[in-house]
Each structure stands twice: as C-alpha cells, then as structure tokens.
C-alpha cells in the first residue's frame, strides 16, 4: 500500500552522506525551516539509498 497522506513531495539527491549532513547544517536550509515552519501542520522525511 502506498502512503498518500501528503500534499507535496520534494526529492533531493546528494552526492554522498557527507553532502547530506552538510546540507542539514547549512544556514540557508536552517533559515528556510525557521521562516516557514509555522505554515507546516506536519513534516515527514523518508530517507532512501540509491546505488549508482
């Protein structure tokens, strides 16, 4: 069964885990969260791995 309890989805592909970790700490990413989180009822994150 597919989970369809969402209105929007964003897929982001990182070069490696280090790039992902850097993104999580990036000032622009943190600022985006700070400025927009009041508009979000719920946020869910699903991680997956893809082999090249």
Protein backbone atom coordinates (compact mmCIF):
# COMPACT_ATOMS: atom_id res chain seq x y z
CA UNK A 1 0.00 0.00 0.00
CA UNK A 2 1.33 3.44 -0.91
CA UNK A 3 1.28 6.27 1.62
CA UNK A 4 -0.73 9.12 0.10
CA UNK A 5 -1.13 11.30 3.19
CA UNK A 6 0.71 14.31 1.75
CA UNK A 7 0.13 17.41 -0.37
CA UNK A 8 3.63 17.96 -1.71
CA UNK A 9 6.83 15.97 -2.05
CA UNK A 10 10.42 17.06 -2.58
CA UNK A 11 13.09 14.66 -3.76
CA UNK A 12 16.68 15.72 -3.14
CA UNK A 13 19.67 13.69 -4.29
CA UNK A 14 23.03 14.16 -2.59
CA UNK A 15 26.45 13.08 -3.83
CA UNK A 16 27.09 11.19 -0.58
CA UNK A 17 26.18 11.15 3.13
CA UNK A 18 28.69 13.90 3.87
CA UNK A 19 26.92 16.20 1.41
CA UNK A 20 23.59 15.35 3.06
CA UNK A 21 25.00 16.11 6.51
CA UNK A 22 26.42 19.43 5.27
CA UNK A 23 23.02 20.37 3.83
CA UNK A 24 21.32 19.69 7.16
CA UNK A 25 23.59 22.28 8.85
CA UNK A 26 23.57 24.86 6.02
CA UNK A 27 22.46 28.32 7.12
CA UNK A 28 20.05 28.71 4.16
CA UNK A 29 18.40 25.38 4.99
CA UNK A 30 18.03 26.29 8.66
CA UNK A 31 16.71 29.76 7.75
CA UNK A 32 14.13 28.20 5.39
CA UNK A 33 12.88 25.98 8.23
CA UNK A 34 12.77 28.87 10.69
CA UNK A 35 10.85 31.13 8.31
CA UNK A 36 8.35 28.52 7.13
CA UNK A 37 7.72 26.02 9.90
CA UNK A 38 4.72 27.93 11.23
CA UNK A 39 2.95 27.07 7.96
CA UNK A 40 3.51 23.33 8.27
CA UNK A 41 0.99 21.15 10.04
CA UNK A 42 3.25 18.12 9.75
CA UNK A 43 6.60 17.27 8.16
CA UNK A 44 7.74 13.74 7.44
CA UNK A 45 11.07 12.72 6.00
CA UNK A 46 11.77 9.43 4.25
CA UNK A 47 15.39 8.56 3.51
CA UNK A 48 16.40 6.06 0.89
CA UNK A 49 19.60 4.93 -0.72
CA UNK A 50 20.21 4.60 -4.44
CA UNK A 51 23.09 2.71 -5.95
CA UNK A 52 24.70 4.34 -9.00
